[in-house]
Amino acid sequence: MSEATEKIRASRDLLLSFHGRIDEARSAFSWPDISGPFNWAIDWFDAIGRGNDTTALWIRQEDGSEARWTFDEMVRRSDALAGWLRAHGIGRGDGVMLMLGNQVELWDTMLAVMKVGGVILPTAEAVTPADLRDRIDRAGIRAVIVNGPDVTKFAEVPGDYLRISTGGGGAGWLPLTEAYDTDPEPCPVITDANDPVMRYFTSGTTKSPKLVEHTQLSYPVGHLSTTYFIGVRPGDIHLNISSPGWGKHAWSSFFAPWIAEATVFVHNYRRFDAAELLAELRRVDVSTFCAPPTVWRMMIQADLGPRPRALREVVGAGEPLNPEVIATVRRAWGLTIRDGYGQTETTAQIGNAPAERVKPGSMGKPLPGVPIELVDPETGAPGDAGEICLRLDPRPLNLMAGYVGSPELEAQALRGGWYHTGDLAVRDAQGYITYVGRTDDVFKASDYKVSPFELESVLMEHPAVAEAAVVPAPDPTRLAVPKAYVSLAPGFDRTRETALSILAYAKEHLAPYLRIRRLEFGDLPKTISGKIRRLPLRVREQLGGHARSDDSAEYRYEDFPELRARSRRR
């Protein structure tokens, strides 16, 4: 094993030894000092995988069929694929778009592209030809690897790039199946630690996507923080509900579990079935489980049942969890869903670590190796309330290299000796950090600062509310008032009675200046990865979406004399 292998293992084992002691872990941990020639797929994955007959990847399909691959098989499959890619001219610095689902070829190609020194651009299968044209151009793509059904999208995407398909592609397309006929030869390390290895387009919840670049260190090794947060350990079976193409998939379905030398279990489905997922947690003996809030809510609706016998750690992902969801799972399973925080630009930054006390509503504490400060956006001074920032002296290993082709955006994000996340939070006396909202989401109403997330959390407690997004609606008296766009849970109708019930609940659980003044039912705009986009709703309101009409779907607080009557009775 290389020196880098031993350093990564020592850092991982140190973190695992501080189970339930995050403050001590933060004091004791430092990032492994790795420089010069380094390739994570070779120096780590091959080192732990060659000759290792433990299951590395286990995929279960919707029809009940399943397949498993050992670490050694994944090493040899990716070696063969790497040799085949080299033979077709793909090498160091070449951008390779991977537009694949949760299939073994995705894990094969990620390892293989890393081994040849390429730069991976994970891409969601749902993107359009217009998206592809923009991404292939901006990311400098030299090859694309896709499934057969997506080949037709590229007919509208010009460019001199290698076209590879897992299925039939027709003229101009190479079949990926040929790669597996290549003799698997171990790959030499041709990359340096600071070479680029992955690029991601951000989800674009508020603006157009930025192109984030990570190095052989910042994501692959940086996910030591994610491994600690999730609590995945050697020999575990880890299940993460996430779509390929987004950072969370690499976090929790690739790097973190394989840093831990755990098995990645994949549960594939075309239409989500919560009862089936619960059955799989029990059948497979999943040890650690990560899922977004929507999945947790649907599992609760389907009846959680008894705790799966092997399940030890449960984690939320993507967006903050509602306290009621956490409480329901705790009552049923005796396990606490732990929230955390990170970005495409980083690995996990903040988290409720395993076996630590969880403060309801909090994201937890800064994770080992992540120098978090809360910086006042107006004064620039660190304190207990402000923008979540990372100190840049020294620069944390788990921070991106930068934004490709956007020097102005990069300079803005790295100004003043900080990396600015754009997210606001507060910290209590025990060091727990609670999310407040995006710097560009917070708005003023009657001269009070309003955090959409705070209001949305209260709305989500109402049984009729499946999802909610709060934005400012122009108001001639207050400048702006909070307006809630609400997607209803099954069994509830878009009626005056439902609106009254929701507004009354919000009134009872929010301070007067935070009161929801307007409400509208409908489907919420989302990114491809499923995150709610408030920006289109804000724009709609500013462009006149608030105007009343006889058939308006909007309900206003003043429409309900019952609400005012309740105030007088009090």
Protein backbone atom coordinates (compact mmCIF):
# COMPACT_ATOMS: atom_id res chain seq x y z
CA MET A 1 0.00 0.00 0.00
CA SER A 2 1.14 3.55 -0.70
CA GLU A 3 1.88 6.14 1.96
CA ALA A 4 -1.29 7.97 0.91
CA THR A 5 -3.34 4.81 1.55
CA GLU A 6 -2.00 4.53 5.06
CA LYS A 7 -2.63 8.21 5.77
CA ILE A 8 -6.26 7.97 4.66
CA ARG A 9 -6.80 4.82 6.70
CA ALA A 10 -5.21 6.38 9.79
CA SER A 11 -7.42 9.48 9.45
CA ARG A 12 -10.53 7.36 9.02
CA ASP A 13 -9.75 5.12 11.96
CA LEU A 14 -9.02 8.14 14.14
CA LEU A 15 -12.46 9.58 13.35
CA LEU A 16 -14.18 6.26 14.00
CA SER A 17 -12.46 6.05 17.39
CA PHE A 18 -14.22 9.28 18.44
CA HIS A 19 -17.72 7.86 18.11
CA GLY A 20 -20.08 10.11 20.08
CA ARG A 21 -17.32 12.62 20.86
CA ILE A 22 -17.44 15.22 18.11
CA ASP A 23 -15.74 17.99 20.10
CA GLU A 24 -12.78 15.73 20.83
CA ALA A 25 -12.73 14.50 17.22
CA ARG A 26 -12.57 18.08 15.99
CA SER A 27 -9.61 18.81 18.26
CA ALA A 28 -7.70 15.64 17.36
CA PHE A 29 -8.33 15.47 13.61
CA SER A 30 -6.30 17.02 10.84
CA TRP A 31 -6.60 16.29 7.13
CA PRO A 32 -4.08 13.74 5.79
CA ASP A 33 -1.06 15.46 4.31
CA ILE A 34 -1.02 14.17 0.74
CA SER A 35 0.81 15.83 -2.15
CA GLY A 36 2.47 14.88 -5.40
CA PRO A 37 1.36 11.78 -7.35
CA PHE A 38 -2.01 10.59 -6.06
CA ASN A 39 -5.12 8.95 -7.48
CA TRP A 40 -7.96 8.01 -5.11
CA ALA A 41 -9.26 5.18 -7.31
CA ILE A 42 -5.81 3.56 -7.31
CA ASP A 43 -4.24 4.64 -4.02
CA TRP A 44 -7.38 3.96 -2.01
CA PHE A 45 -9.97 1.86 -3.83
CA ASP A 46 -7.56 -0.52 -5.56
CA ALA A 47 -5.46 -0.75 -2.39
CA ILE A 48 -8.41 -1.90 -0.26
CA GLY A 49 -10.13 -3.78 -3.06
CA ARG A 50 -7.64 -5.95 -4.89
CA GLY A 51 -8.10 -9.53 -3.68
CA ASN A 52 -10.97 -8.47 -1.40
CA ASP A 53 -14.01 -10.75 -1.79
CA THR A 54 -16.30 -8.62 0.38
CA THR A 55 -19.34 -7.22 -1.45
CA ALA A 56 -18.68 -3.66 -2.61
CA LEU A 57 -21.88 -3.06 -4.61
CA TRP A 58 -25.29 -4.74 -4.35
CA ILE A 59 -28.07 -3.66 -6.71
CA ARG A 60 -31.68 -4.76 -6.39
CA GLN A 61 -34.06 -4.08 -9.28
CA GLU A 62 -37.77 -3.34 -9.07
CA ASP A 63 -38.66 -6.80 -10.41
CA GLY A 64 -36.83 -8.43 -7.49
CA SER A 65 -33.72 -9.46 -9.41
CA GLU A 66 -30.40 -8.48 -7.92
CA ALA A 67 -26.66 -8.71 -8.44
CA ARG A 68 -23.56 -8.25 -6.30
CA TRP A 69 -19.96 -7.37 -7.09
CA THR A 70 -17.01 -7.77 -4.76
CA PHE A 71 -14.35 -5.12 -4.22
CA ASP A 72 -11.94 -7.24 -6.26
CA GLU A 73 -14.43 -7.51 -9.13
CA MET A 74 -14.93 -3.74 -9.14
CA VAL A 75 -11.16 -3.22 -9.24
CA ARG A 76 -10.76 -5.52 -12.24
CA ARG A 77 -13.86 -4.25 -14.08
CA SER A 78 -12.67 -0.66 -13.76
CA ASP A 79 -9.11 -1.64 -14.77
CA ALA A 80 -10.48 -3.16 -17.98
CA LEU A 81 -12.64 -0.13 -18.68
CA ALA A 82 -9.74 2.24 -17.98
CA GLY A 83 -7.54 0.41 -20.50
CA TRP A 84 -10.33 0.59 -23.09
CA LEU A 85 -10.84 4.33 -22.53
CA ARG A 86 -7.10 4.95 -22.89
CA ALA A 87 -7.11 3.03 -26.15
CA HIS A 88 -9.80 5.40 -27.39
CA GLY A 89 -7.78 8.48 -26.50
CA ILE A 90 -9.25 9.44 -23.12
CA GLY A 91 -6.63 10.53 -20.62
CA ARG A 92 -5.46 13.07 -18.10
CA GLY A 93 -7.61 16.20 -17.94
CA ASP A 94 -10.26 14.98 -20.39
CA GLY A 95 -13.85 15.71 -19.40
CA VAL A 96 -16.19 12.70 -19.44
CA MET A 97 -19.94 13.11 -19.00
CA LEU A 98 -21.60 10.19 -17.22
CA MET A 99 -25.36 10.15 -17.77
CA LEU A 100 -26.25 6.82 -16.22
CA GLY A 101 -28.70 5.48 -13.67
CA ASN A 102 -28.03 3.41 -10.57
CA GLN A 103 -26.37 0.57 -12.50
CA VAL A 104 -23.02 -1.14 -12.14
CA GLU A 105 -21.66 0.71 -15.19
CA LEU A 106 -21.94 3.97 -13.27
CA TRP A 107 -19.60 2.79 -10.51
CA ASP A 108 -17.32 1.13 -13.10
CA THR A 109 -16.97 4.28 -15.17
CA MET A 110 -16.46 6.59 -12.20
CA LEU A 111 -13.53 4.48 -11.05
CA ALA A 112 -12.16 4.02 -14.57
CA VAL A 113 -12.30 7.70 -15.53
CA MET A 114 -10.52 8.57 -12.29
CA LYS A 115 -7.83 5.99 -13.03
CA VAL A 116 -7.02 7.42 -16.48
CA GLY A 117 -6.87 10.95 -15.05
CA GLY A 118 -10.12 12.11 -16.59
CA VAL A 119 -12.55 14.61 -15.10
CA ILE A 120 -16.02 13.20 -14.34
CA LEU A 121 -19.15 15.25 -15.04
CA PRO A 122 -22.03 13.35 -13.40
CA THR A 123 -25.26 14.27 -15.19
CA ALA A 124 -28.88 13.48 -14.37
CA GLU A 125 -30.70 11.41 -16.97
CA ALA A 126 -33.59 13.90 -16.95
CA VAL A 127 -31.62 16.74 -18.56
CA THR A 128 -32.80 18.07 -21.92
CA PRO A 129 -30.83 18.48 -25.17
CA ALA A 130 -30.63 22.21 -24.40
CA ASP A 131 -29.06 21.42 -21.02
CA LEU A 132 -26.64 19.04 -22.70
CA ARG A 133 -25.50 21.60 -25.26
CA ASP A 134 -24.72 24.09 -22.52
CA ARG A 135 -22.98 21.57 -20.27
CA ILE A 136 -20.87 19.90 -22.93
CA ASP A 137 -19.67 23.29 -24.10
CA ARG A 138 -19.00 24.79 -20.65
CA ALA A 139 -17.38 21.66 -19.20
CA GLY A 140 -15.16 20.93 -22.22
CA ILE A 141 -16.44 17.38 -22.61
CA ARG A 142 -14.33 14.90 -24.62
CA ALA A 143 -16.59 11.85 -24.17
CA VAL A 144 -20.11 10.98 -23.10
CA ILE A 145 -21.26 7.65 -21.65
CA VAL A 146 -25.02 7.12 -21.69
CA ASN A 147 -27.72 4.46 -21.82
CA GLY A 148 -29.33 3.47 -25.11
CA PRO A 149 -32.63 5.36 -24.62
CA ASP A 150 -30.74 8.66 -24.13
CA VAL A 151 -28.71 8.41 -27.33
CA THR A 152 -31.36 10.33 -29.32
CA LYS A 153 -30.90 13.42 -27.12
CA PHE A 154 -27.41 13.86 -28.51
CA ALA A 155 -28.62 14.15 -32.10
CA GLU A 156 -29.30 17.77 -31.20
CA VAL A 157 -25.96 18.26 -29.43
CA PRO A 158 -23.14 19.02 -31.89
CA GLY A 159 -19.50 18.64 -30.94
CA ASP A 160 -16.34 16.64 -31.43
CA TYR A 161 -16.69 14.23 -28.53
CA LEU A 162 -16.51 10.45 -28.20
CA ARG A 163 -19.95 8.84 -27.96
CA ILE A 164 -20.29 5.67 -25.84
CA SER A 165 -23.50 3.80 -25.09
CA THR A 166 -24.29 0.94 -22.71
CA GLY A 167 -26.84 -0.27 -25.25
CA GLY A 168 -27.44 0.08 -28.95
CA GLY A 169 -26.40 3.48 -30.20
CA GLY A 170 -26.20 3.16 -33.93
CA ALA A 171 -23.70 4.86 -36.21
CA GLY A 172 -21.08 6.89 -34.42
CA TRP A 173 -21.61 5.25 -31.03
CA LEU A 174 -19.22 2.81 -29.35
CA PRO A 175 -20.70 -0.02 -27.26
CA LEU A 176 -19.43 0.05 -23.68
CA THR A 177 -19.76 -3.75 -23.58
CA GLU A 178 -16.55 -3.97 -25.62
CA ALA A 179 -14.62 -2.58 -22.65
CA TYR A 180 -15.27 -5.64 -20.53
CA ASP A 181 -13.49 -7.84 -23.08
CA THR A 182 -10.25 -5.93 -22.41
CA ASP A 183 -7.64 -7.62 -20.22
CA PRO A 184 -7.68 -5.84 -16.83
CA GLU A 185 -4.20 -4.43 -16.26
CA PRO A 186 -3.47 -2.47 -13.06
CA CYS A 187 -3.30 1.26 -13.76
CA PRO A 188 -0.29 3.42 -12.90
CA VAL A 189 -0.81 6.68 -11.04
CA ILE A 190 -0.52 9.52 -13.56
CA THR A 191 -2.34 12.24 -11.61
CA ASP A 192 -1.29 14.64 -8.90
CA ALA A 193 -3.24 15.28 -5.73
CA ASN A 194 -4.44 18.67 -6.97
CA ASP A 195 -5.53 17.50 -10.42
CA PRO A 196 -9.24 17.94 -11.19
CA VAL A 197 -11.33 14.79 -10.85
CA MET A 198 -14.99 15.86 -10.76
CA ARG A 199 -17.12 18.73 -11.96
CA TYR A 200 -20.69 19.38 -10.92
CA PHE A 201 -23.27 21.86 -12.06
CA THR A 202 -24.95 23.19 -8.95
CA SER A 203 -28.67 22.54 -8.58
CA GLY A 204 -29.55 26.15 -9.34
CA THR A 205 -32.26 26.61 -6.71
CA THR A 206 -31.89 30.39 -6.84
CA LYS A 207 -29.75 31.19 -9.91
CA SER A 208 -28.36 29.52 -13.04
CA PRO A 209 -26.04 26.59 -12.26
CA LYS A 210 -22.37 27.19 -11.52
CA LEU A 211 -19.74 24.64 -12.57
CA VAL A 212 -17.91 23.40 -9.46
CA GLU A 213 -14.53 21.69 -9.80
CA HIS A 214 -13.11 19.23 -7.26
CA THR A 215 -9.66 17.68 -7.11
CA GLN A 216 -8.36 14.20 -6.32
CA LEU A 217 -8.22 15.42 -2.70
CA SER A 218 -11.15 17.77 -2.14
CA TYR A 219 -13.96 15.30 -2.85
CA PRO A 220 -12.46 11.80 -2.61
CA VAL A 221 -10.44 12.42 0.58
CA GLY A 222 -12.59 15.30 1.79
CA HIS A 223 -15.47 12.89 2.30
CA LEU A 224 -13.78 11.68 5.46
CA SER A 225 -16.02 14.31 7.08
CA THR A 226 -19.07 12.74 5.43
CA THR A 227 -18.05 9.26 6.55
CA TYR A 228 -17.86 10.51 10.14
CA PHE A 229 -21.22 12.29 9.88
CA ILE A 230 -23.11 9.33 8.41
CA GLY A 231 -21.56 6.93 10.90
CA VAL A 232 -20.87 4.23 8.32
CA ARG A 233 -18.24 1.71 9.45
CA PRO A 234 -16.26 -1.18 7.92
CA GLY A 235 -18.52 -4.10 7.10
CA ASP A 236 -21.74 -2.06 7.11
CA ILE A 237 -24.43 -2.21 4.44
CA HIS A 238 -25.27 1.37 3.46
CA LEU A 239 -28.37 2.50 1.57
CA ASN A 240 -28.68 6.02 0.20
CA ILE A 241 -31.77 7.21 -1.68
CA SER A 242 -30.35 9.56 -4.28
CA SER A 243 -30.30 10.00 -8.04
CA PRO A 244 -27.02 9.90 -9.94
CA GLY A 245 -25.92 13.22 -11.38
CA TRP A 246 -25.97 15.13 -8.10
CA GLY A 247 -23.37 15.62 -5.41
CA LYS A 248 -25.29 13.71 -2.74
CA HIS A 249 -25.00 10.53 -4.80
CA ALA A 250 -21.20 10.78 -4.85
CA TRP A 251 -21.24 11.67 -1.15
CA SER A 252 -23.26 8.75 0.09
CA SER A 253 -23.34 6.13 -2.67
CA PHE A 254 -19.68 6.23 -3.64
CA PHE A 255 -17.03 7.98 -1.55
CA ALA A 256 -18.22 7.82 2.07
CA PRO A 257 -19.22 4.12 2.17
CA TRP A 258 -16.13 3.02 0.25
CA ILE A 259 -13.86 5.11 2.47
CA ALA A 260 -15.43 3.10 5.29
CA GLU A 261 -14.98 -0.20 3.37
CA ALA A 262 -18.73 -0.79 3.53
CA THR A 263 -21.17 -2.30 1.03
CA VAL A 264 -23.18 0.09 -1.13
CA PHE A 265 -26.74 -1.24 -1.46
CA VAL A 266 -28.95 0.20 -4.21
CA HIS A 267 -32.74 -0.10 -4.28
CA ASN A 268 -33.92 0.71 -7.81
CA TYR A 269 -37.50 1.65 -8.66
CA ARG A 270 -39.47 3.47 -11.37
CA ARG A 271 -42.25 4.52 -8.99
CA PHE A 272 -41.40 4.91 -5.33
CA ASP A 273 -43.11 2.46 -2.97
CA ALA A 274 -42.46 3.22 0.70
CA ALA A 275 -43.69 -0.17 1.92
CA GLU A 276 -41.32 -1.93 -0.47
CA LEU A 277 -38.39 0.20 0.71
CA LEU A 278 -39.17 -0.64 4.34
CA ALA A 279 -39.24 -4.33 3.44
CA GLU A 280 -35.80 -4.00 1.81
CA LEU A 281 -34.33 -2.33 4.88
CA ARG A 282 -35.31 -5.44 6.82
CA ARG A 283 -34.47 -8.08 4.22
CA VAL A 284 -31.00 -6.75 3.45
CA ASP A 285 -30.08 -5.85 7.04
CA VAL A 286 -29.17 -2.29 6.14
CA SER A 287 -26.90 -0.77 8.81
CA THR A 288 -26.91 2.89 7.79
CA PHE A 289 -29.63 4.66 5.83
CA CYS A 290 -29.78 8.10 4.25
CA ALA A 291 -32.89 9.58 2.61
CA PRO A 292 -34.39 13.01 1.80
CA PRO A 293 -37.35 14.43 3.76
CA THR A 294 -39.91 13.42 1.11
CA VAL A 295 -38.93 9.75 1.46
CA TRP A 296 -39.10 9.92 5.26
CA ARG A 297 -42.59 11.45 5.10
CA MET A 298 -43.82 8.78 2.68
CA MET A 299 -42.39 6.02 4.86
CA ILE A 300 -44.27 7.40 7.85
CA GLN A 301 -47.49 7.52 5.84
CA ALA A 302 -46.95 3.88 4.84
CA ASP A 303 -46.48 2.83 8.52
CA LEU A 304 -42.91 2.46 9.69
CA GLY A 305 -43.56 -0.75 11.60
CA PRO A 306 -40.92 -2.15 13.96
CA ARG A 307 -37.30 -1.05 13.73
CA PRO A 308 -35.26 -3.00 11.14
CA ARG A 309 -33.01 -5.21 13.26
CA ALA A 310 -29.63 -4.17 11.79
CA LEU A 311 -30.38 -0.48 11.34
CA ARG A 312 -28.04 1.63 13.47
CA GLU A 313 -27.83 5.09 11.86
CA VAL A 314 -30.51 7.12 10.04
CA VAL A 315 -29.72 10.38 8.28
CA GLY A 316 -31.63 13.09 6.42
CA ALA A 317 -30.43 14.64 3.18
CA GLY A 318 -30.97 17.54 0.83
CA GLU A 319 -33.19 19.76 2.96
CA PRO A 320 -33.78 20.18 6.71
CA LEU A 321 -36.17 17.73 8.33
CA ASN A 322 -39.31 18.76 10.13
CA PRO A 323 -39.12 18.04 13.91
CA GLU A 324 -42.37 16.06 13.79
CA VAL A 325 -40.87 13.60 11.27
CA ILE A 326 -37.87 13.11 13.55
CA ALA A 327 -40.13 12.56 16.57
CA THR A 328 -42.32 10.03 14.73
CA VAL A 329 -39.33 7.92 13.67
CA ARG A 330 -37.87 8.08 17.18
CA ARG A 331 -41.13 6.81 18.69
CA ALA A 332 -41.38 3.95 16.19
CA TRP A 333 -37.75 2.85 15.94
CA GLY A 334 -35.92 4.37 18.89
CA LEU A 335 -33.54 5.99 16.38
CA THR A 336 -33.02 9.71 15.82
CA ILE A 337 -32.77 10.95 12.24
CA ARG A 338 -29.69 13.11 12.17
CA ASP A 339 -29.55 16.20 10.00
CA GLY A 340 -26.43 17.72 8.52
CA TYR A 341 -25.29 20.38 6.11
CA GLY A 342 -23.02 20.61 3.12
CA GLN A 343 -22.92 21.84 -0.47
CA THR A 344 -21.84 20.76 -3.93
CA GLU A 345 -18.80 22.97 -3.31
CA THR A 346 -17.78 20.98 -0.23
CA THR A 347 -18.26 17.69 1.55
CA ALA A 348 -20.26 17.53 4.81
CA GLN A 349 -19.57 20.68 6.84
CA ILE A 350 -21.93 20.52 9.83
CA GLY A 351 -23.73 17.56 11.33
CA ASN A 352 -25.41 15.88 14.25
CA ALA A 353 -22.78 13.17 14.63
CA PRO A 354 -23.57 9.58 15.72
CA ALA A 355 -24.32 9.07 19.43
CA GLU A 356 -24.33 12.83 20.04
CA ARG A 357 -27.26 14.64 21.62
CA VAL A 358 -29.51 15.97 18.87
CA LYS A 359 -31.05 19.37 19.41
CA PRO A 360 -34.40 19.52 17.56
CA GLY A 361 -34.20 21.82 14.56
CA SER A 362 -30.41 22.08 14.66
CA MET A 363 -28.01 20.90 11.95
CA GLY A 364 -25.50 19.98 14.64
CA LYS A 365 -21.92 21.13 15.09
CA PRO A 366 -18.99 21.77 12.73
CA LEU A 367 -17.53 18.46 11.60
CA PRO A 368 -13.85 17.56 12.06
CA GLY A 369 -11.59 19.40 9.65
CA VAL A 370 -14.17 22.05 8.72
CA PRO A 371 -13.33 25.55 10.09
CA ILE A 372 -16.84 27.01 10.35
CA GLU A 373 -17.54 30.61 11.38
CA LEU A 374 -20.81 32.56 11.29
CA VAL A 375 -19.99 35.91 9.70
CA ASP A 376 -22.25 38.97 9.98
CA PRO A 377 -23.14 39.89 6.37
CA GLU A 378 -23.14 43.61 7.22
CA THR A 379 -20.08 43.98 9.48
CA GLY A 380 -17.99 41.00 8.34
CA ALA A 381 -17.36 40.06 11.96
CA PRO A 382 -17.60 36.44 13.16
CA GLY A 383 -20.19 35.77 15.83
CA ASP A 384 -23.11 33.56 16.78
CA ALA A 385 -25.39 34.66 13.93
CA GLY A 386 -24.62 35.22 10.28
CA GLU A 387 -23.55 33.58 7.04
CA ILE A 388 -21.98 30.12 7.28
CA CYS A 389 -18.38 30.60 6.14
CA LEU A 390 -15.20 28.51 6.07
CA ARG A 391 -11.88 30.08 7.06
CA LEU A 392 -9.38 29.96 4.21
CA ASP A 393 -6.17 30.18 6.25
CA PRO A 394 -5.37 27.36 5.99
CA ARG A 395 -7.68 26.37 3.17
CA PRO A 396 -9.75 23.32 4.19
CA LEU A 397 -9.02 20.23 2.14
CA ASN A 398 -12.73 19.52 1.49
CA LEU A 399 -13.37 22.79 -0.36
CA MET A 400 -13.71 22.93 -4.14
CA ALA A 401 -10.86 24.11 -6.35
CA GLY A 402 -13.18 26.79 -7.77
CA TYR A 403 -15.87 27.62 -10.33
CA VAL A 404 -14.85 26.73 -13.89
CA GLY A 405 -15.08 29.67 -16.28
CA SER A 406 -16.50 32.04 -13.64
CA PRO A 407 -13.63 33.97 -12.02
CA GLU A 408 -15.96 36.73 -10.81
CA LEU A 409 -18.25 34.27 -9.02
CA GLU A 410 -15.24 32.48 -7.56
CA ALA A 411 -13.76 35.73 -6.26
CA GLN A 412 -17.12 36.65 -4.74
CA ALA A 413 -17.38 33.27 -2.98
CA LEU A 414 -13.81 33.48 -1.63
CA ARG A 415 -13.73 37.16 -0.64
CA GLY A 416 -12.33 38.47 2.60
CA GLY A 417 -10.47 35.34 3.63
CA TRP A 418 -13.65 33.23 3.80
CA TYR A 419 -15.52 30.80 1.62
CA HIS A 420 -19.07 32.16 1.67
CA THR A 421 -21.81 29.51 1.49
CA GLY A 422 -24.69 31.96 1.03
CA ASP A 423 -26.57 30.31 3.92
CA LEU A 424 -27.54 31.99 7.19
CA ALA A 425 -27.50 30.29 10.60
CA VAL A 426 -27.37 30.90 14.34
CA ARG A 427 -25.29 29.14 17.01
CA ASP A 428 -26.31 28.51 20.61
CA ALA A 429 -24.19 28.40 23.76
CA GLN A 430 -23.50 24.65 23.31
CA GLY A 431 -22.20 25.16 19.77
CA TYR A 432 -25.24 23.79 17.91
CA ILE A 433 -25.91 25.53 14.61
CA THR A 434 -29.44 26.07 13.30
CA TYR A 435 -30.21 26.92 9.68
CA VAL A 436 -32.06 30.19 9.05
CA GLY A 437 -32.20 30.45 5.24
CA ARG A 438 -30.39 31.59 2.15
CA THR A 439 -28.94 35.08 2.17
CA ASP A 440 -31.03 35.77 -0.92
CA ASP A 441 -34.19 34.08 0.51
CA VAL A 442 -34.51 36.10 3.72
CA PHE A 443 -36.78 39.12 3.28
CA LYS A 444 -38.25 41.94 5.34
CA ALA A 445 -41.93 42.30 6.26
CA SER A 446 -43.00 45.30 8.37
CA ASP A 447 -39.26 45.89 9.00
CA TYR A 448 -38.83 42.39 10.50
CA LYS A 449 -36.47 39.86 8.93
CA VAL A 450 -38.36 36.75 7.81
CA SER A 451 -36.71 33.38 7.19
CA PRO A 452 -38.81 31.26 4.81
CA PHE A 453 -37.45 28.07 6.35
CA GLU A 454 -38.77 28.97 9.81
CA LEU A 455 -42.29 29.50 8.45
CA GLU A 456 -42.15 26.43 6.21
CA SER A 457 -41.18 24.26 9.18
CA VAL A 458 -44.35 25.30 11.00
CA LEU A 459 -46.53 24.77 7.93
CA MET A 460 -45.08 21.28 7.46
CA GLU A 461 -46.45 20.30 10.87
CA HIS A 462 -50.01 20.62 9.53
CA PRO A 463 -51.33 17.27 8.24
CA ALA A 464 -52.66 18.84 5.02
CA VAL A 465 -49.26 20.17 3.97
CA ALA A 466 -47.01 17.88 1.94
CA GLU A 467 -44.58 20.61 0.87
CA ALA A 468 -44.41 24.36 1.30
CA ALA A 469 -42.43 27.31 -0.01
CA VAL A 470 -42.66 30.80 1.52
CA VAL A 471 -41.78 33.92 -0.48
CA PRO A 472 -42.40 37.66 -0.07
CA ALA A 473 -45.56 39.02 -1.69
CA PRO A 474 -45.65 42.80 -2.31
CA ASP A 475 -47.90 44.70 0.07
CA PRO A 476 -48.65 48.46 -0.04
CA THR A 477 -48.58 48.80 3.75
CA ARG A 478 -45.93 46.34 4.95
CA LEU A 479 -43.68 46.42 1.86
CA ALA A 480 -43.97 42.64 1.77
CA VAL A 481 -45.90 39.90 3.54
CA PRO A 482 -45.17 36.17 3.80
CA LYS A 483 -46.98 34.12 1.19
CA ALA A 484 -47.06 30.32 1.31
CA TYR A 485 -47.28 28.14 -1.76
CA VAL A 486 -48.53 24.76 -0.57
CA SER A 487 -48.64 21.32 -2.14
CA LEU A 488 -51.33 19.31 -0.37
CA ALA A 489 -51.00 15.85 1.12
CA PRO A 490 -53.23 13.06 -0.23
CA GLY A 491 -56.80 13.26 1.02
CA PHE A 492 -56.97 17.06 1.24
CA ASP A 493 -58.71 19.33 -1.27
CA ARG A 494 -57.93 22.86 -2.41
CA THR A 495 -60.82 24.43 -0.53
CA ARG A 496 -61.51 27.43 1.64
CA GLU A 497 -61.81 25.13 4.63
CA THR A 498 -58.35 23.67 4.05
CA ALA A 499 -56.86 27.15 3.64
CA LEU A 500 -58.53 28.33 6.85
CA SER A 501 -57.21 25.35 8.79
CA ILE A 502 -53.64 25.94 7.60
CA LEU A 503 -53.71 29.69 8.21
CA ALA A 504 -55.20 29.19 11.67
CA TYR A 505 -52.50 26.68 12.57
CA ALA A 506 -49.77 29.05 11.35
CA LYS A 507 -51.32 31.89 13.34
CA GLU A 508 -51.29 29.85 16.51
CA HIS A 509 -47.66 28.76 16.12
CA LEU A 510 -45.95 31.87 14.73
CA ALA A 511 -45.27 35.33 16.12
CA PRO A 512 -47.64 38.01 14.73
CA TYR A 513 -44.96 39.57 12.49
CA LEU A 514 -44.28 36.15 10.93
CA ARG A 515 -47.92 35.40 10.21
CA ILE A 516 -48.73 33.84 6.83
CA ARG A 517 -50.82 36.49 5.09
CA ARG A 518 -51.42 34.77 1.76
CA LEU A 519 -51.71 31.18 0.69
CA GLU A 520 -51.94 29.44 -2.67
CA PHE A 521 -52.29 25.75 -3.48
CA GLY A 522 -50.40 24.12 -6.33
CA ASP A 523 -47.40 22.08 -7.40
CA LEU A 524 -44.06 23.60 -6.41
CA PRO A 525 -41.26 24.24 -8.94
CA LYS A 526 -38.24 22.03 -8.32
CA THR A 527 -34.77 21.36 -9.59
CA ILE A 528 -34.08 18.08 -11.37
CA SER A 529 -32.69 16.79 -8.07
CA GLY A 530 -36.00 17.50 -6.33
CA LYS A 531 -35.14 20.62 -4.33
CA ILE A 532 -37.84 23.29 -4.14
CA ARG A 533 -37.03 26.44 -6.12
CA ARG A 534 -38.28 29.60 -4.45
CA LEU A 535 -36.83 31.93 -7.09
CA PRO A 536 -39.57 31.39 -9.74
CA LEU A 537 -42.19 31.98 -7.05
CA ARG A 538 -40.51 35.21 -5.92
CA VAL A 539 -40.32 36.39 -9.52
CA ARG A 540 -43.96 35.53 -10.07
CA GLU A 541 -44.98 37.64 -7.10
CA GLN A 542 -42.84 40.57 -8.17
CA LEU A 543 -44.22 40.43 -11.70
CA GLY A 544 -47.80 40.64 -10.52
CA GLY A 545 -48.68 37.07 -9.57
CA HIS A 546 -50.22 38.56 -6.44
CA ALA A 547 -52.93 40.44 -8.32
CA ARG A 548 -56.45 39.38 -7.36
CA SER A 549 -59.04 38.11 -9.80
CA ASP A 550 -62.43 36.49 -9.42
CA ASP A 551 -60.99 33.02 -10.07
CA SER A 552 -57.80 33.55 -8.07
CA ALA A 553 -56.46 30.46 -6.29
CA GLU A 554 -54.91 32.74 -3.68
CA TYR A 555 -56.37 32.99 -0.19
CA ARG A 556 -55.63 36.03 1.97
CA TYR A 557 -55.65 36.34 5.72
CA GLU A 558 -58.19 39.20 5.53
CA ASP A 559 -60.58 36.90 3.64
CA PHE A 560 -61.24 35.01 6.87
CA PRO A 561 -63.19 36.91 9.53
CA GLU A 562 -62.93 33.74 11.63
CA LEU A 563 -59.21 34.41 12.14
CA ARG A 564 -59.84 37.93 13.39
CA ALA A 565 -62.66 36.68 15.63
CA ARG A 566 -60.27 34.21 17.26
CA SER A 567 -57.88 37.06 18.01
CA ARG A 568 -60.60 39.09 19.71
CA ARG A 569 -61.67 36.09 21.83
CA ARG A 570 -58.14 35.84 23.10
